[in-house]
Amino acid sequence: MNNDTRYAFGTLEDRARAMGGSEFPDRISLRDHLTEVEIGAFQVERGTTQRLRFDVVVEVSLTPVPLDDDVDRILSYDTLTDAIALELAAERLNLLETLAERVAERILHEPQAIRVFVRIEKLDRGPGALGVEIVRSHADQKNLTTDGVPLRPLIVYLENVVISSEHLPRWIDRFENHDSPVILCVGRSANPVLQTGHGPTQRRIDLLEVEQNAWMLASRDDRCVVVDSRTELDWAMTKGKLSVWAPSKLVLDAVAGPPEGMLDGLMLASWLAEQLDAARLIVVGDQQSDAEPEVFHHSDPKVF
């Protein structure tokens, strides 16, 4: 067995030491951290939980002052467990790779963290453990502005009167040139919605109605690109691209999604704004004159 193979299947501490160079930074670790969660891309993995095992090693910088046995001067172990818990609670994920990336990114927001090793294994999908292992450093961090502050988008809800208006391109001009990344949201069209009388199927049909309207918006202006995943939204925000949100994937995969019942487009936009920690939610609708596209009004000034 060569060294690469030995380190690949050895402990994360061994691998970190092999890659660390002649001088090893300090490390903190979390090993054999078990939790149960719903995760997976296959239909058989929906509606049921499975065990995950986490191993995390973080290389940390030395503190410029003596520790003096002061917990506030170290990178706490709680940072590691909290990163896992917060990402698991954020939304239902299909891939361990996505979860590992997000856990690593959250830990690397800590100023003392230099590099992080994350291993996640599924324990209930076969006779052995199935897993992924990643290594990330500050240079690998994504979805950050140049000053290190996470991007906070502007969420814009367009009422149907705006989508069908001849002045829609002027609105798009305004949003395309905004200082913040902009995500456009829409509701259902004015057409009658098919009623199934069955909650779960009705929820999917309501979401599809919203997505049809999103594609209708995209047909009106080529700058309106429809996206449905968190990864695509994050990429668009990082690149300053204009996005139109198709809600089915995020809503159906969410750990705590929008309330049950008839899904209203504005309610979905508000929910997305909360998930992305949006800088602002604005509504453009029939209270605006087409001749005055500069004017916005707020849907809920108490929150946004």
Protein backbone atom coordinates (compact mmCIF):
# COMPACT_ATOMS: atom_id res chain seq x y z
CA MET A 1 0.00 0.00 0.00
CA ASN A 2 1.58 3.31 -1.06
CA ASN A 3 1.48 6.44 1.08
CA ASP A 4 -1.33 8.11 -0.90
CA THR A 5 -3.60 5.10 -0.46
CA ARG A 6 -2.66 4.71 3.19
CA TYR A 7 -3.45 8.34 3.91
CA ALA A 8 -6.67 8.22 1.86
CA PHE A 9 -8.03 5.40 4.03
CA GLY A 10 -6.34 6.44 7.25
CA THR A 11 -7.53 8.97 9.77
CA LEU A 12 -8.06 12.56 8.76
CA GLU A 13 -5.31 13.51 11.19
CA ASP A 14 -2.87 11.31 9.24
CA ARG A 15 -3.87 12.85 5.96
CA ALA A 16 -3.69 16.40 7.33
CA ARG A 17 -0.20 15.67 8.67
CA ALA A 18 0.94 14.28 5.31
CA MET A 19 -0.22 17.41 3.49
CA GLY A 20 0.82 19.92 6.10
CA GLY A 21 4.46 20.47 5.20
CA SER A 22 7.41 20.52 7.57
CA GLU A 23 5.71 22.66 10.20
CA PHE A 24 2.33 21.42 11.33
CA PRO A 25 -0.29 23.96 12.45
CA ASP A 26 -2.40 23.25 15.49
CA ARG A 27 -5.52 21.18 14.86
CA ILE A 28 -8.83 20.55 16.51
CA SER A 29 -10.97 17.57 15.56
CA LEU A 30 -14.42 16.07 15.82
CA ARG A 31 -14.63 12.33 15.27
CA ASP A 32 -17.46 9.80 15.04
CA HIS A 33 -20.15 12.48 15.31
CA LEU A 34 -23.42 10.66 14.55
CA THR A 35 -26.76 12.14 13.54
CA GLU A 36 -29.92 11.02 11.75
CA VAL A 37 -31.28 13.05 8.85
CA GLU A 38 -33.25 12.72 5.65
CA ILE A 39 -30.79 13.01 2.77
CA GLY A 40 -30.28 11.46 -0.66
CA ALA A 41 -31.08 11.76 -4.34
CA PHE A 42 -33.02 8.50 -4.68
CA GLN A 43 -36.77 8.30 -4.16
CA VAL A 44 -36.28 5.49 -1.62
CA GLU A 45 -34.33 7.96 0.53
CA ARG A 46 -37.22 10.43 0.75
CA GLY A 47 -39.48 10.39 3.77
CA THR A 48 -37.03 8.40 5.90
CA THR A 49 -33.95 9.21 7.95
CA GLN A 50 -30.55 7.56 7.86
CA ARG A 51 -27.46 7.77 10.00
CA LEU A 52 -24.55 9.99 9.02
CA ARG A 53 -21.11 9.95 10.61
CA PHE A 54 -18.96 13.09 10.54
CA ASP A 55 -15.20 13.44 11.03
CA VAL A 56 -13.85 16.99 10.92
CA VAL A 57 -10.30 18.27 11.39
CA VAL A 58 -9.54 22.00 11.37
CA GLU A 59 -6.06 23.51 11.12
CA VAL A 60 -6.01 26.69 13.20
CA SER A 61 -3.71 29.67 13.48
CA LEU A 62 -1.91 30.41 16.71
CA THR A 63 -3.45 33.07 18.91
CA PRO A 64 -1.34 36.26 19.10
CA VAL A 65 -1.81 36.38 22.89
CA PRO A 66 -1.48 33.72 25.61
CA LEU A 67 -4.55 31.51 26.00
CA ASP A 68 -4.76 32.01 29.77
CA ASP A 69 -7.23 29.13 29.80
CA ASP A 70 -9.79 31.44 28.16
CA VAL A 71 -12.31 29.64 25.91
CA ASP A 72 -13.00 32.85 23.96
CA ARG A 73 -9.45 32.74 22.56
CA ILE A 74 -9.79 29.40 20.80
CA LEU A 75 -11.84 27.94 17.98
CA SER A 76 -14.45 26.06 20.00
CA TYR A 77 -15.52 22.50 19.30
CA ASP A 78 -19.07 23.86 19.32
CA THR A 79 -18.19 25.65 16.08
CA LEU A 80 -17.83 22.27 14.38
CA THR A 81 -21.00 20.69 15.76
CA ASP A 82 -22.98 23.89 15.16
CA ALA A 83 -21.80 24.03 11.53
CA ILE A 84 -23.13 20.52 10.97
CA ALA A 85 -26.43 21.17 12.76
CA LEU A 86 -27.09 24.47 10.99
CA GLU A 87 -26.43 23.08 7.51
CA LEU A 88 -28.60 20.03 8.17
CA ALA A 89 -31.41 22.32 9.34
CA ALA A 90 -31.10 24.73 6.40
CA GLU A 91 -32.62 22.48 3.74
CA ARG A 92 -32.95 18.86 2.64
CA LEU A 93 -29.97 17.94 0.48
CA ASN A 94 -29.46 15.22 -2.11
CA LEU A 95 -25.67 14.97 -2.02
CA LEU A 96 -23.13 14.39 0.73
CA GLU A 97 -20.75 16.45 -1.41
CA THR A 98 -22.99 19.51 -1.07
CA LEU A 99 -23.30 19.04 2.68
CA ALA A 100 -19.54 18.66 3.09
CA GLU A 101 -18.89 21.83 1.06
CA ARG A 102 -21.32 23.85 3.15
CA VAL A 103 -20.02 22.58 6.49
CA ALA A 104 -16.47 23.38 5.42
CA GLU A 105 -17.42 26.85 4.18
CA ARG A 106 -19.22 27.68 7.41
CA ILE A 107 -16.23 26.61 9.53
CA LEU A 108 -13.83 28.62 7.34
CA HIS A 109 -15.79 31.78 8.16
CA GLU A 110 -14.05 31.60 11.54
CA PRO A 111 -10.92 33.80 11.46
CA GLN A 112 -8.73 31.18 13.19
CA ALA A 113 -9.57 28.40 10.72
CA ILE A 114 -6.86 27.90 8.07
CA ARG A 115 -7.91 24.64 6.44
CA VAL A 116 -10.65 22.11 7.11
CA PHE A 117 -10.96 18.38 6.37
CA VAL A 118 -14.51 17.00 6.30
CA ARG A 119 -15.49 13.35 5.96
CA ILE A 120 -19.18 12.33 5.90
CA GLU A 121 -20.37 8.73 5.66
CA LYS A 122 -23.79 7.14 5.20
CA LEU A 123 -24.07 4.13 7.48
CA ASP A 124 -27.41 2.66 6.34
CA ARG A 125 -27.12 2.46 2.53
CA GLY A 126 -25.24 -0.82 2.27
CA PRO A 127 -23.09 -3.34 4.06
CA GLY A 128 -20.34 -0.74 4.51
CA ALA A 129 -20.02 2.99 5.01
CA LEU A 130 -20.49 5.15 1.88
CA GLY A 131 -18.93 8.58 2.09
CA VAL A 132 -17.07 11.57 0.78
CA GLU A 133 -14.04 13.45 2.03
CA ILE A 134 -13.00 16.98 1.10
CA VAL A 135 -10.26 19.45 1.99
CA ARG A 136 -10.92 23.18 1.78
CA SER A 137 -9.00 26.31 2.70
CA HIS A 138 -9.72 30.03 2.76
CA ALA A 139 -8.62 30.24 -0.87
CA ASP A 140 -11.46 27.88 -1.81
CA GLN A 141 -14.28 29.84 -0.24
CA LYS A 142 -17.21 30.71 -2.50
CA ASN A 143 -20.17 33.06 -2.52
CA LEU A 144 -18.33 35.89 -0.79
CA THR A 145 -17.91 39.50 -1.86
CA THR A 146 -14.44 40.99 -2.07
CA ASP A 147 -14.59 42.27 1.50
CA GLY A 148 -15.51 38.84 2.86
CA VAL A 149 -19.15 39.61 3.59
CA PRO A 150 -21.69 37.07 2.28
CA LEU A 151 -23.74 38.40 -0.61
CA ARG A 152 -27.25 39.51 0.33
CA PRO A 153 -29.55 39.59 -2.69
CA LEU A 154 -32.48 41.82 -3.54
CA ILE A 155 -35.63 39.72 -3.91
CA VAL A 156 -38.13 41.21 -6.38
CA TYR A 157 -41.68 39.91 -6.66
CA LEU A 158 -43.29 40.75 -10.01
CA GLU A 159 -47.07 40.74 -10.21
CA ASN A 160 -48.64 39.45 -13.42
CA VAL A 161 -49.51 42.93 -14.64
CA VAL A 162 -45.78 43.69 -14.81
CA ILE A 163 -44.89 40.47 -16.63
CA SER A 164 -47.39 41.27 -19.37
CA SER A 165 -46.55 44.97 -19.52
CA GLU A 166 -44.83 46.48 -22.55
CA HIS A 167 -42.55 48.28 -20.08
CA LEU A 168 -41.12 45.04 -18.65
CA PRO A 169 -37.72 45.60 -20.40
CA ARG A 170 -37.36 48.91 -18.53
CA TRP A 171 -37.88 47.11 -15.22
CA ILE A 172 -35.32 44.48 -16.22
CA ASP A 173 -32.86 47.25 -17.12
CA ARG A 174 -33.26 48.61 -13.60
CA PHE A 175 -32.76 45.24 -11.92
CA GLU A 176 -29.84 44.23 -14.15
CA ASN A 177 -27.92 47.36 -13.14
CA HIS A 178 -28.68 47.13 -9.42
CA ASP A 179 -25.76 47.16 -6.97
CA SER A 180 -26.94 43.93 -5.32
CA PRO A 181 -27.60 40.57 -7.00
CA VAL A 182 -31.29 40.37 -7.95
CA ILE A 183 -33.58 37.33 -7.85
CA LEU A 184 -36.96 37.71 -9.54
CA CYS A 185 -39.98 35.83 -8.16
CA VAL A 186 -43.44 35.39 -9.64
CA GLY A 187 -46.77 33.87 -8.62
CA ARG A 188 -49.26 31.76 -10.51
CA SER A 189 -50.80 33.02 -13.72
CA ALA A 190 -54.36 34.32 -13.77
CA ASN A 191 -55.62 31.04 -15.28
CA PRO A 192 -57.68 28.69 -13.07
CA VAL A 193 -55.54 26.20 -11.16
CA LEU A 194 -56.22 22.48 -11.44
CA GLN A 195 -57.61 21.22 -8.10
CA THR A 196 -56.83 17.66 -6.97
CA GLY A 197 -58.38 17.68 -3.50
CA HIS A 198 -55.19 15.98 -2.23
CA GLY A 199 -52.69 18.03 -0.24
CA PRO A 200 -49.30 16.68 -1.40
CA THR A 201 -50.21 16.56 -5.09
CA GLN A 202 -51.90 19.96 -4.92
CA ARG A 203 -48.72 21.44 -3.47
CA ARG A 204 -46.72 20.18 -6.43
CA ILE A 205 -49.27 21.45 -8.93
CA ASP A 206 -49.29 24.90 -7.28
CA LEU A 207 -45.50 25.01 -7.51
CA LEU A 208 -45.57 23.95 -11.16
CA GLU A 209 -48.06 26.76 -11.88
CA VAL A 210 -45.57 29.24 -10.44
CA GLU A 211 -42.76 27.73 -12.49
CA GLN A 212 -44.79 27.96 -15.69
CA ASN A 213 -45.19 31.67 -15.01
CA ALA A 214 -41.44 31.95 -14.38
CA TRP A 215 -40.77 30.45 -17.81
CA MET A 216 -43.32 32.85 -19.30
CA LEU A 217 -41.30 35.72 -17.81
CA ALA A 218 -38.13 34.23 -19.30
CA SER A 219 -39.79 34.15 -22.72
CA ARG A 220 -40.38 37.90 -22.50
CA ASP A 221 -36.72 38.82 -21.90
CA ASP A 222 -33.60 36.74 -22.56
CA ARG A 223 -31.87 38.24 -19.50
CA CYS A 224 -34.34 36.40 -17.22
CA VAL A 225 -32.68 33.02 -16.62
CA VAL A 226 -34.76 30.48 -14.70
CA VAL A 227 -32.87 28.58 -11.96
CA ASP A 228 -34.10 26.10 -9.38
CA SER A 229 -31.20 24.99 -7.16
CA ARG A 230 -29.35 26.73 -4.35
CA THR A 231 -26.09 26.11 -6.20
CA GLU A 232 -27.37 27.95 -9.29
CA LEU A 233 -28.70 30.82 -7.17
CA ASP A 234 -25.37 31.14 -5.34
CA TRP A 235 -23.46 31.11 -8.64
CA ALA A 236 -25.73 33.75 -10.16
CA MET A 237 -25.37 35.97 -7.08
CA THR A 238 -21.59 35.60 -7.14
CA LYS A 239 -21.45 36.51 -10.85
CA GLY A 240 -23.97 39.34 -10.54
CA LYS A 241 -26.42 37.60 -12.88
CA LEU A 242 -30.16 38.18 -12.92
CA SER A 243 -32.14 35.08 -11.87
CA VAL A 244 -35.76 33.98 -12.00
CA TRP A 245 -36.55 31.53 -9.22
CA ALA A 246 -38.35 28.25 -9.98
CA PRO A 247 -39.39 27.21 -6.45
CA SER A 248 -40.20 23.47 -6.59
CA LYS A 249 -36.78 22.05 -5.72
CA LEU A 250 -35.94 24.31 -2.77
CA VAL A 251 -39.46 24.18 -1.33
CA LEU A 252 -39.85 20.40 -1.58
CA ASP A 253 -36.33 19.77 -0.24
CA ALA A 254 -36.61 22.26 2.64
CA VAL A 255 -36.46 20.99 6.21
CA ALA A 256 -38.86 23.75 7.23
CA GLY A 257 -40.65 24.90 4.09
CA PRO A 258 -43.45 27.40 3.53
CA PRO A 259 -46.75 26.70 5.33
CA GLU A 260 -48.98 23.96 4.00
CA GLY A 261 -51.98 24.89 1.88
CA MET A 262 -52.36 27.00 -1.23
CA LEU A 263 -48.97 28.44 -2.14
CA ASP A 264 -49.08 32.16 -2.81
CA GLY A 265 -46.32 33.65 -4.95
CA LEU A 266 -45.61 36.53 -2.60
CA MET A 267 -45.47 34.15 0.35
CA LEU A 268 -42.89 32.08 -1.54
CA ALA A 269 -40.84 35.19 -2.31
CA SER A 270 -40.91 36.16 1.36
CA TRP A 271 -39.81 32.66 2.37
CA LEU A 272 -36.91 32.75 -0.12
CA ALA A 273 -35.84 36.15 1.23
CA GLU A 274 -35.62 34.65 4.71
CA GLN A 275 -33.64 31.63 3.48
CA LEU A 276 -31.08 33.79 1.68
CA ASP A 277 -30.95 36.55 4.31
CA ALA A 278 -31.97 39.00 1.60
CA ALA A 279 -31.10 42.65 1.97
CA ARG A 280 -34.62 43.59 0.91
CA LEU A 281 -37.86 42.26 -0.54
CA ILE A 282 -39.77 44.56 -2.87
CA VAL A 283 -42.98 44.13 -4.83
CA VAL A 284 -43.63 45.58 -8.26
CA GLY A 285 -47.27 45.53 -9.24
CA ASP A 286 -50.38 47.46 -10.15
CA GLN A 287 -49.63 50.20 -7.62
CA GLN A 288 -46.88 51.41 -9.96
CA SER A 289 -47.43 53.34 -13.14
CA ASP A 290 -45.72 51.83 -16.16
CA ALA A 291 -44.44 55.31 -16.87
CA GLU A 292 -42.67 55.44 -13.49
CA PRO A 293 -40.57 52.28 -13.16
CA GLU A 294 -38.39 53.94 -10.51
CA VAL A 295 -41.10 53.55 -7.84
CA PHE A 296 -41.22 50.50 -5.57
CA HIS A 297 -43.41 49.58 -2.65
CA HIS A 298 -42.72 47.09 0.12
CA SER A 299 -44.83 44.04 0.85
CA ASP A 300 -43.91 43.82 4.52
CA PRO A 301 -41.87 46.76 5.84
CA LYS A 302 -41.96 45.22 9.32
CA VAL A 303 -39.67 42.43 8.16
CA PHE A 304 -37.70 43.86 5.27
